[in-house]
Amino acid sequence: MSDDLPDDMADTISEAIEKAVRLAKDDGPWHVLPNNDLRDHIDTDECWCSPIEVEDDVWVHRPLDGRDEYERGRKPS
């Protein structure tokens, strides 16, 4: 926090931020879905693409069109 804030205010702000992060995580699970893929995804861990859990309750879905291979440089364009 900024040195310009009184300690009690900085503590209150830090606590509010921590609480917001906890609440946001409690709203999970969160799913990162590819846009405009060749097949629609469902936002569950049982999606056809076998999504990967990258953090607690954060799932990344795999695109069918192979765009991730291009993005990682494994496939030439």
Protein backbone atom coordinates (compact mmCIF):
# COMPACT_ATOMS: atom_id res chain seq x y z
CA MET A 1 0.00 0.00 0.00
CA SER A 2 0.99 3.60 -0.41
CA ASP A 3 3.13 5.25 2.26
CA ASP A 4 0.71 8.21 2.11
CA LEU A 5 -2.09 6.20 3.73
CA PRO A 6 -2.49 5.84 7.48
CA ASP A 7 -1.64 2.32 8.66
CA ASP A 8 -5.20 1.51 9.73
CA MET A 9 -6.56 2.58 6.32
CA ALA A 10 -3.92 0.56 4.47
CA ASP A 11 -4.78 -2.48 6.59
CA THR A 12 -8.49 -2.02 5.87
CA ILE A 13 -7.86 -1.76 2.12
CA SER A 14 -5.59 -4.82 2.17
CA GLU A 15 -8.22 -6.81 4.06
CA ALA A 16 -10.91 -5.72 1.58
CA ILE A 17 -8.75 -6.82 -1.36
CA GLU A 18 -8.03 -10.19 0.26
CA LYS A 19 -11.74 -10.69 0.95
CA ALA A 20 -12.65 -9.80 -2.65
CA VAL A 21 -10.11 -12.33 -3.97
CA ARG A 22 -11.48 -15.04 -1.66
CA LEU A 23 -15.06 -14.27 -2.73
CA ALA A 24 -14.12 -14.31 -6.40
CA LYS A 25 -12.44 -17.71 -5.99
CA ASP A 26 -15.48 -18.98 -4.07
CA ASP A 27 -17.61 -18.13 -7.10
CA GLY A 28 -15.62 -20.66 -9.16
CA PRO A 29 -14.95 -22.84 -10.86
CA TRP A 30 -13.71 -20.56 -13.64
CA HIS A 31 -13.43 -21.78 -17.23
CA VAL A 32 -11.30 -20.25 -19.99
CA LEU A 33 -12.98 -21.19 -23.28
CA PRO A 34 -11.65 -20.69 -26.82
CA ASN A 35 -13.74 -18.26 -28.89
CA ASN A 36 -15.21 -19.39 -32.20
CA ASP A 37 -13.84 -22.93 -31.98
CA LEU A 38 -14.95 -25.62 -34.46
CA ARG A 39 -17.11 -27.20 -31.76
CA ASP A 40 -18.93 -25.61 -28.82
CA HIS A 41 -17.51 -26.14 -25.34
CA ILE A 42 -19.42 -26.63 -22.10
CA ASP A 43 -18.11 -24.86 -19.04
CA THR A 44 -17.48 -27.93 -16.90
CA ASP A 45 -14.44 -30.08 -16.26
CA GLU A 46 -16.24 -32.84 -18.19
CA CYS A 47 -16.15 -30.96 -21.52
CA TRP A 48 -15.27 -33.06 -24.60
CA CYS A 49 -11.88 -31.28 -24.84
CA SER A 50 -10.61 -32.58 -21.48
CA PRO A 51 -9.80 -29.17 -19.98
CA ILE A 52 -6.74 -28.72 -17.78
CA GLU A 53 -7.02 -27.40 -14.22
CA VAL A 54 -4.23 -24.79 -14.06
CA GLU A 55 -5.11 -23.56 -10.55
CA ASP A 56 -7.69 -24.51 -7.97
CA ASP A 57 -11.04 -24.13 -9.78
CA VAL A 58 -9.49 -22.52 -12.89
CA TRP A 59 -9.89 -24.67 -16.02
CA VAL A 60 -8.44 -24.02 -19.48
CA HIS A 61 -10.22 -25.67 -22.39
CA ARG A 62 -8.34 -26.98 -25.44
CA PRO A 63 -9.33 -25.70 -28.88
CA LEU A 64 -10.26 -28.24 -31.55
CA ASP A 65 -8.94 -26.04 -34.35
CA GLY A 66 -5.32 -26.34 -33.18
CA ARG A 67 -4.72 -22.63 -32.53
CA ASP A 68 -2.80 -23.43 -29.36
CA GLU A 69 -0.17 -25.26 -31.43
CA TYR A 70 0.37 -22.14 -33.55
CA GLU A 71 0.48 -19.92 -30.46
CA ARG A 72 3.16 -22.12 -28.89
CA GLY A 73 5.15 -22.24 -32.14
CA ARG A 74 4.76 -26.00 -32.54
CA LYS A 75 2.94 -25.74 -35.88
CA PRO A 76 4.01 -23.52 -38.79
CA SER A 77 1.45 -21.04 -40.08
